[in-house]
Amino acid sequence: MKLTRTMIAAFGATAIAAPAFAGSLQPAPAEPMIQAPAPVAMSMGRDWTGGYAGLQLGYADVDAGTLADGTRLTGDDVIGGLTQGYDWQFGNFVAGVGADADIADLSIGGGISTLERVYRLKARAGYSFGDGLLYATAGGAGADIDGFGYNTGYFVGAGYEHMVTNNISLGGEVLYHEFDNIGDTTLDVEATTFQIRANYRF
């Protein structure tokens, strides 16, 4: 009798445990696979390395001081000419050298003198973002001033250039010039130019 009770108890325990064992035989549900996003290619933007040549046109404002009789030697007019140069790009940093030659017929002091030509040897450095280039520039300048001969000085300024096609860029530039003791006098000339530029890049 005792044996029979033991067998019944064992059978009951097996029956209760069977569903648990049966359930454990089912494979665990697979975790959904999460795919990492595809890497995005980093674009460095346009490569500005190379030469260029173009045209520029704008406005010049000149102040050559005051004569002993109180006459103000000032004037403003259109100025424009040719530009060329070469740039090198290092990451997003761009550095370059260039040269400008402008012609003008800018009357100073009501006809006392005339600014005829301006020349520049330039260095520039800037930051490239996509098709745009924002830069600062400085260098040496020369000016032919009627009655005062050829004079040398310096300039500083800033500009922006934007590529509109694979080879053509448009931009603007503002420059401040200073020429001291023009024509062996004590007169100093200050000139500010605002010019729009169009370049063909090789």
C-alpha atoms as a PDB file:
ATOM      1  CA  MET A   1       0.000   0.000   0.000  1.00  0.00           C
ATOM      2  CA  LYS A   2       2.840   2.288   0.886  1.00  0.00           C
ATOM      3  CA  LEU A   3       4.480   1.524  -2.455  1.00  0.00           C
ATOM      4  CA  THR A   4       1.252   2.299  -4.281  1.00  0.00           C
ATOM      5  CA  ARG A   5       0.974   5.685  -2.580  1.00  0.00           C
ATOM      6  CA  THR A   6       4.570   6.491  -3.492  1.00  0.00           C
ATOM      7  CA  MET A   7       3.925   5.625  -7.157  1.00  0.00           C
ATOM      8  CA  ILE A   8       0.795   7.780  -7.229  1.00  0.00           C
ATOM      9  CA  ALA A   9       2.673  10.735  -5.720  1.00  0.00           C
ATOM     10  CA  ALA A  10       5.512  10.336  -8.224  1.00  0.00           C
ATOM     11  CA  PHE A  11       3.055  10.103 -11.131  1.00  0.00           C
ATOM     12  CA  GLY A  12       1.314  13.301  -9.932  1.00  0.00           C
ATOM     13  CA  ALA A  13       4.565  15.183  -9.672  1.00  0.00           C
ATOM     14  CA  THR A  14       5.557  14.078 -13.185  1.00  0.00           C
ATOM     15  CA  ALA A  15       2.203  15.184 -14.595  1.00  0.00           C
ATOM     16  CA  ILE A  16       2.556  18.625 -13.007  1.00  0.00           C
ATOM     17  CA  ALA A  17       6.130  19.081 -14.150  1.00  0.00           C
ATOM     18  CA  ALA A  18       5.531  17.844 -17.705  1.00  0.00           C
ATOM     19  CA  PRO A  19       4.063  21.115 -19.075  1.00  0.00           C
ATOM     20  CA  ALA A  20       6.987  23.067 -17.620  1.00  0.00           C
ATOM     21  CA  PHE A  21       9.509  20.758 -19.285  1.00  0.00           C
ATOM     22  CA  ALA A  22       7.506  20.784 -22.483  1.00  0.00           C
ATOM     23  CA  GLY A  23       7.449  24.586 -22.489  1.00  0.00           C
ATOM     24  CA  SER A  24      11.196  24.754 -21.971  1.00  0.00           C
ATOM     25  CA  LEU A  25      11.755  22.744 -25.116  1.00  0.00           C
ATOM     26  CA  GLN A  26      10.331  25.591 -27.255  1.00  0.00           C
ATOM     27  CA  PRO A  27      13.097  27.728 -28.826  1.00  0.00           C
ATOM     28  CA  ALA A  28      13.350  31.246 -27.414  1.00  0.00           C
ATOM     29  CA  PRO A  29      12.025  33.915 -29.795  1.00  0.00           C
ATOM     30  CA  ALA A  30      14.834  35.479 -31.859  1.00  0.00           C
ATOM     31  CA  GLU A  31      15.701  39.087 -31.101  1.00  0.00           C
ATOM     32  CA  PRO A  32      15.102  41.378 -34.092  1.00  0.00           C
ATOM     33  CA  MET A  33      18.314  42.341 -35.900  1.00  0.00           C
ATOM     34  CA  ILE A  34      19.082  46.066 -35.679  1.00  0.00           C
ATOM     35  CA  GLN A  35      21.200  47.224 -38.583  1.00  0.00           C
ATOM     36  CA  ALA A  36      23.636  50.062 -38.079  1.00  0.00           C
ATOM     37  CA  PRO A  37      22.994  53.026 -40.398  1.00  0.00           C
ATOM     38  CA  ALA A  38      25.162  53.174 -43.479  1.00  0.00           C
ATOM     39  CA  PRO A  39      28.163  55.488 -43.017  1.00  0.00           C
ATOM     40  CA  VAL A  40      27.672  58.933 -44.506  1.00  0.00           C
ATOM     41  CA  ALA A  41      30.449  60.076 -46.796  1.00  0.00           C
ATOM     42  CA  MET A  42      32.065  63.248 -45.502  1.00  0.00           C
ATOM     43  CA  SER A  43      32.374  65.894 -48.218  1.00  0.00           C
ATOM     44  CA  MET A  44      35.262  68.340 -48.077  1.00  0.00           C
ATOM     45  CA  GLY A  45      33.513  70.607 -50.573  1.00  0.00           C
ATOM     46  CA  ARG A  46      35.178  72.105 -53.605  1.00  0.00           C
ATOM     47  CA  ASP A  47      38.937  71.938 -54.071  1.00  0.00           C
ATOM     48  CA  TRP A  48      40.178  75.509 -54.589  1.00  0.00           C
ATOM     49  CA  THR A  49      43.705  74.489 -55.538  1.00  0.00           C
ATOM     50  CA  GLY A  50      44.665  75.956 -58.918  1.00  0.00           C
ATOM     51  CA  GLY A  51      45.094  79.127 -60.914  1.00  0.00           C
ATOM     52  CA  TYR A  52      42.541  81.735 -61.941  1.00  0.00           C
ATOM     53  CA  ALA A  53      42.219  84.906 -63.991  1.00  0.00           C
ATOM     54  CA  GLY A  54      39.375  87.360 -64.331  1.00  0.00           C
ATOM     55  CA  LEU A  55      37.886  90.829 -64.345  1.00  0.00           C
ATOM     56  CA  GLN A  56      36.842  93.197 -61.571  1.00  0.00           C
ATOM     57  CA  LEU A  57      34.791  96.371 -61.537  1.00  0.00           C
ATOM     58  CA  GLY A  58      33.667  98.689 -58.778  1.00  0.00           C
ATOM     59  CA  TYR A  59      33.965 101.987 -56.970  1.00  0.00           C
ATOM     60  CA  ALA A  60      36.865 103.860 -55.375  1.00  0.00           C
ATOM     61  CA  ASP A  61      36.785 106.606 -52.755  1.00  0.00           C
ATOM     62  CA  VAL A  62      40.018 108.617 -52.360  1.00  0.00           C
ATOM     63  CA  ASP A  63      41.128 111.111 -49.714  1.00  0.00           C
ATOM     64  CA  ALA A  64      44.538 112.774 -50.142  1.00  0.00           C
ATOM     65  CA  GLY A  65      44.236 115.243 -47.299  1.00  0.00           C
ATOM     66  CA  THR A  66      44.064 119.039 -47.412  1.00  0.00           C
ATOM     67  CA  LEU A  67      46.274 121.604 -49.166  1.00  0.00           C
ATOM     68  CA  ALA A  68      47.646 124.675 -47.377  1.00  0.00           C
ATOM     69  CA  ASP A  69      44.854 126.804 -48.866  1.00  0.00           C
ATOM     70  CA  GLY A  70      42.238 124.489 -47.378  1.00  0.00           C
ATOM     71  CA  THR A  71      41.396 122.613 -50.600  1.00  0.00           C
ATOM     72  CA  ARG A  72      40.247 119.062 -49.853  1.00  0.00           C
ATOM     73  CA  LEU A  73      41.885 116.492 -52.155  1.00  0.00           C
ATOM     74  CA  THR A  74      39.043 113.959 -52.322  1.00  0.00           C
ATOM     75  CA  GLY A  75      37.235 112.153 -55.106  1.00  0.00           C
ATOM     76  CA  ASP A  76      35.337 109.025 -56.051  1.00  0.00           C
ATOM     77  CA  ASP A  77      34.625 107.219 -59.298  1.00  0.00           C
ATOM     78  CA  VAL A  78      34.518 103.870 -61.109  1.00  0.00           C
ATOM     79  CA  ILE A  79      37.594 101.635 -61.036  1.00  0.00           C
ATOM     80  CA  GLY A  80      38.218  98.262 -62.658  1.00  0.00           C
ATOM     81  CA  GLY A  81      40.721  95.960 -64.291  1.00  0.00           C
ATOM     82  CA  LEU A  82      42.293  92.507 -64.342  1.00  0.00           C
ATOM     83  CA  THR A  83      43.093  89.987 -61.623  1.00  0.00           C
ATOM     84  CA  GLN A  84      44.960  86.684 -61.515  1.00  0.00           C
ATOM     85  CA  GLY A  85      46.381  84.324 -58.929  1.00  0.00           C
ATOM     86  CA  TYR A  86      46.875  80.828 -57.562  1.00  0.00           C
ATOM     87  CA  ASP A  87      45.378  79.094 -54.506  1.00  0.00           C
ATOM     88  CA  TRP A  88      46.323  76.067 -52.419  1.00  0.00           C
ATOM     89  CA  GLN A  89      43.844  74.195 -50.225  1.00  0.00           C
ATOM     90  CA  PHE A  90      44.687  72.337 -46.994  1.00  0.00           C
ATOM     91  CA  GLY A  91      41.515  70.764 -45.616  1.00  0.00           C
ATOM     92  CA  ASN A  92      39.122  73.692 -45.300  1.00  0.00           C
ATOM     93  CA  PHE A  93      41.924  76.255 -45.179  1.00  0.00           C
ATOM     94  CA  VAL A  94      42.845  78.070 -48.413  1.00  0.00           C
ATOM     95  CA  ALA A  95      45.936  80.237 -49.012  1.00  0.00           C
ATOM     96  CA  GLY A  96      46.926  82.012 -52.187  1.00  0.00           C
ATOM     97  CA  VAL A  97      48.860  84.735 -53.979  1.00  0.00           C
ATOM     98  CA  GLY A  98      47.722  87.053 -56.739  1.00  0.00           C
ATOM     99  CA  ALA A  99      48.123  90.303 -58.648  1.00  0.00           C
ATOM    100  CA  ASP A 100      45.665  93.025 -59.719  1.00  0.00           C
ATOM    101  CA  ALA A 101      45.907  95.893 -62.197  1.00  0.00           C
ATOM    102  CA  ASP A 102      43.149  98.532 -62.192  1.00  0.00           C
ATOM    103  CA  ILE A 103      42.636 101.570 -64.374  1.00  0.00           C
ATOM    104  CA  ALA A 104      40.699 104.679 -63.358  1.00  0.00           C
ATOM    105  CA  ASP A 105      40.060 108.294 -64.284  1.00  0.00           C
ATOM    106  CA  LEU A 106      39.320 109.475 -60.779  1.00  0.00           C
ATOM    107  CA  SER A 107      39.490 113.245 -60.301  1.00  0.00           C
ATOM    108  CA  ILE A 108      40.993 114.355 -56.971  1.00  0.00           C
ATOM    109  CA  GLY A 109      40.299 117.797 -55.524  1.00  0.00           C
ATOM    110  CA  GLY A 110      38.093 118.964 -58.362  1.00  0.00           C
ATOM    111  CA  GLY A 111      40.683 118.279 -61.066  1.00  0.00           C
ATOM    112  CA  ILE A 112      43.889 119.161 -59.216  1.00  0.00           C
ATOM    113  CA  SER A 113      45.055 115.576 -59.728  1.00  0.00           C
ATOM    114  CA  THR A 114      43.816 112.270 -61.138  1.00  0.00           C
ATOM    115  CA  LEU A 115      44.208 108.688 -59.983  1.00  0.00           C
ATOM    116  CA  GLU A 116      45.025 106.749 -63.155  1.00  0.00           C
ATOM    117  CA  ARG A 117      46.167 103.240 -62.221  1.00  0.00           C
ATOM    118  CA  VAL A 118      46.428 100.955 -59.173  1.00  0.00           C
ATOM    119  CA  TYR A 119      48.553  97.787 -58.936  1.00  0.00           C
ATOM    120  CA  ARG A 120      48.550  95.164 -56.174  1.00  0.00           C
ATOM    121  CA  LEU A 121      50.612  92.138 -55.176  1.00  0.00           C
ATOM    122  CA  LYS A 122      48.370  90.103 -52.896  1.00  0.00           C
ATOM    123  CA  ALA A 123      48.394  87.319 -50.354  1.00  0.00           C
ATOM    124  CA  ARG A 124      45.149  85.869 -49.075  1.00  0.00           C
ATOM    125  CA  ALA A 125      44.004  83.246 -46.597  1.00  0.00           C
ATOM    126  CA  GLY A 126      40.519  82.010 -45.896  1.00  0.00           C
ATOM    127  CA  TYR A 127      38.052  79.283 -45.027  1.00  0.00           C
ATOM    128  CA  SER A 128      36.222  77.153 -47.590  1.00  0.00           C
ATOM    129  CA  PHE A 129      32.699  75.843 -47.004  1.00  0.00           C
ATOM    130  CA  GLY A 130      31.164  74.048 -49.974  1.00  0.00           C
ATOM    131  CA  ASP A 131      31.203  76.342 -52.978  1.00  0.00           C
ATOM    132  CA  GLY A 132      32.051  79.441 -50.915  1.00  0.00           C
ATOM    133  CA  LEU A 133      35.344  80.960 -49.811  1.00  0.00           C
ATOM    134  CA  LEU A 134      35.555  83.703 -47.171  1.00  0.00           C
ATOM    135  CA  TYR A 135      39.006  85.275 -46.944  1.00  0.00           C
ATOM    136  CA  ALA A 136      41.231  88.115 -45.734  1.00  0.00           C
ATOM    137  CA  THR A 137      43.859  89.688 -47.967  1.00  0.00           C
ATOM    138  CA  ALA A 138      46.807  92.084 -47.712  1.00  0.00           C
ATOM    139  CA  GLY A 139      49.854  93.148 -49.665  1.00  0.00           C
ATOM    140  CA  GLY A 140      51.762  95.874 -51.446  1.00  0.00           C
ATOM    141  CA  ALA A 141      50.168  98.461 -53.730  1.00  0.00           C
ATOM    142  CA  GLY A 142      51.294 100.999 -56.298  1.00  0.00           C
ATOM    143  CA  ALA A 143      49.388 103.982 -57.684  1.00  0.00           C
ATOM    144  CA  ASP A 144      49.943 106.302 -60.640  1.00  0.00           C
ATOM    145  CA  ILE A 145      48.646 109.728 -59.613  1.00  0.00           C
ATOM    146  CA  ASP A 146      48.826 112.510 -62.172  1.00  0.00           C
ATOM    147  CA  GLY A 147      51.125 115.251 -60.901  1.00  0.00           C
ATOM    148  CA  PHE A 148      52.552 113.068 -58.117  1.00  0.00           C
ATOM    149  CA  GLY A 149      54.101 110.222 -60.138  1.00  0.00           C
ATOM    150  CA  TYR A 150      54.209 106.570 -59.098  1.00  0.00           C
ATOM    151  CA  ASN A 151      53.713 105.899 -55.388  1.00  0.00           C
ATOM    152  CA  THR A 152      53.942 102.740 -53.296  1.00  0.00           C
ATOM    153  CA  GLY A 153      51.944 101.726 -50.254  1.00  0.00           C
ATOM    154  CA  TYR A 154      49.976  98.845 -48.793  1.00  0.00           C
ATOM    155  CA  PHE A 155      46.419  97.535 -48.566  1.00  0.00           C
ATOM    156  CA  VAL A 156      44.333  95.261 -46.344  1.00  0.00           C
ATOM    157  CA  GLY A 157      40.851  93.903 -46.884  1.00  0.00           C
ATOM    158  CA  ALA A 158      38.455  90.997 -47.109  1.00  0.00           C
ATOM    159  CA  GLY A 159      36.322  89.252 -49.686  1.00  0.00           C
ATOM    160  CA  TYR A 160      34.023  86.402 -50.573  1.00  0.00           C
ATOM    161  CA  GLU A 161      34.145  84.140 -53.635  1.00  0.00           C
ATOM    162  CA  HIS A 162      31.499  81.648 -54.747  1.00  0.00           C
ATOM    163  CA  MET A 163      31.708  78.999 -57.474  1.00  0.00           C
ATOM    164  CA  VAL A 164      28.689  79.233 -59.796  1.00  0.00           C
ATOM    165  CA  THR A 165      29.911  76.584 -62.281  1.00  0.00           C
ATOM    166  CA  ASN A 166      32.806  74.136 -62.282  1.00  0.00           C
ATOM    167  CA  ASN A 167      35.158  76.858 -63.558  1.00  0.00           C
ATOM    168  CA  ILE A 168      33.545  80.258 -62.963  1.00  0.00           C
ATOM    169  CA  SER A 169      33.371  82.105 -59.661  1.00  0.00           C
ATOM    170  CA  LEU A 170      31.757  85.390 -58.671  1.00  0.00           C
ATOM    171  CA  GLY A 171      32.677  87.433 -55.653  1.00  0.00           C
ATOM    172  CA  GLY A 172      33.159  90.764 -53.970  1.00  0.00           C
ATOM    173  CA  GLU A 173      36.112  92.432 -52.284  1.00  0.00           C
ATOM    174  CA  VAL A 174      36.622  95.510 -50.073  1.00  0.00           C
ATOM    175  CA  LEU A 175      40.140  96.960 -49.761  1.00  0.00           C
ATOM    176  CA  TYR A 176      41.630  99.829 -47.780  1.00  0.00           C
ATOM    177  CA  HIS A 177      44.813 101.392 -49.285  1.00  0.00           C
ATOM    178  CA  GLU A 178      47.325 103.832 -47.860  1.00  0.00           C
ATOM    179  CA  PHE A 179      50.099 105.719 -49.702  1.00  0.00           C
ATOM    180  CA  ASP A 180      52.330 107.976 -47.573  1.00  0.00           C
ATOM    181  CA  ASN A 181      54.153 111.117 -48.722  1.00  0.00           C
ATOM    182  CA  ILE A 182      53.030 110.962 -52.346  1.00  0.00           C
ATOM    183  CA  GLY A 183      55.255 112.681 -54.885  1.00  0.00           C
ATOM    184  CA  ASP A 184      57.819 113.582 -52.190  1.00  0.00           C
ATOM    185  CA  THR A 185      55.227 115.731 -50.426  1.00  0.00           C
ATOM    186  CA  THR A 186      53.743 115.401 -46.958  1.00  0.00           C
ATOM    187  CA  LEU A 187      50.387 114.341 -48.440  1.00  0.00           C
ATOM    188  CA  ASP A 188      49.104 110.867 -47.581  1.00  0.00           C
ATOM    189  CA  VAL A 189      46.490 109.154 -49.749  1.00  0.00           C
ATOM    190  CA  GLU A 190      43.832 106.863 -48.321  1.00  0.00           C
ATOM    191  CA  ALA A 191      41.657 104.944 -50.755  1.00  0.00           C
ATOM    192  CA  THR A 192      38.872 102.409 -50.279  1.00  0.00           C
ATOM    193  CA  THR A 193      37.683 100.227 -53.137  1.00  0.00           C
ATOM    194  CA  PHE A 194      34.564  98.055 -53.427  1.00  0.00           C
ATOM    195  CA  GLN A 195      34.714  95.670 -56.395  1.00  0.00           C
ATOM    196  CA  ILE A 196      32.782  92.774 -57.885  1.00  0.00           C
ATOM    197  CA  ARG A 197      34.974  90.054 -59.390  1.00  0.00           C
ATOM    198  CA  ALA A 198      34.400  87.291 -61.966  1.00  0.00           C
ATOM    199  CA  ASN A 199      37.135  84.660 -62.305  1.00  0.00           C
ATOM    200  CA  TYR A 200      37.774  81.681 -64.547  1.00  0.00           C
ATOM    201  CA  ARG A 201      39.500  78.920 -62.591  1.00  0.00           C
ATOM    202  CA  PHE A 202      41.828  76.533 -64.414  1.00  0.00           C
END
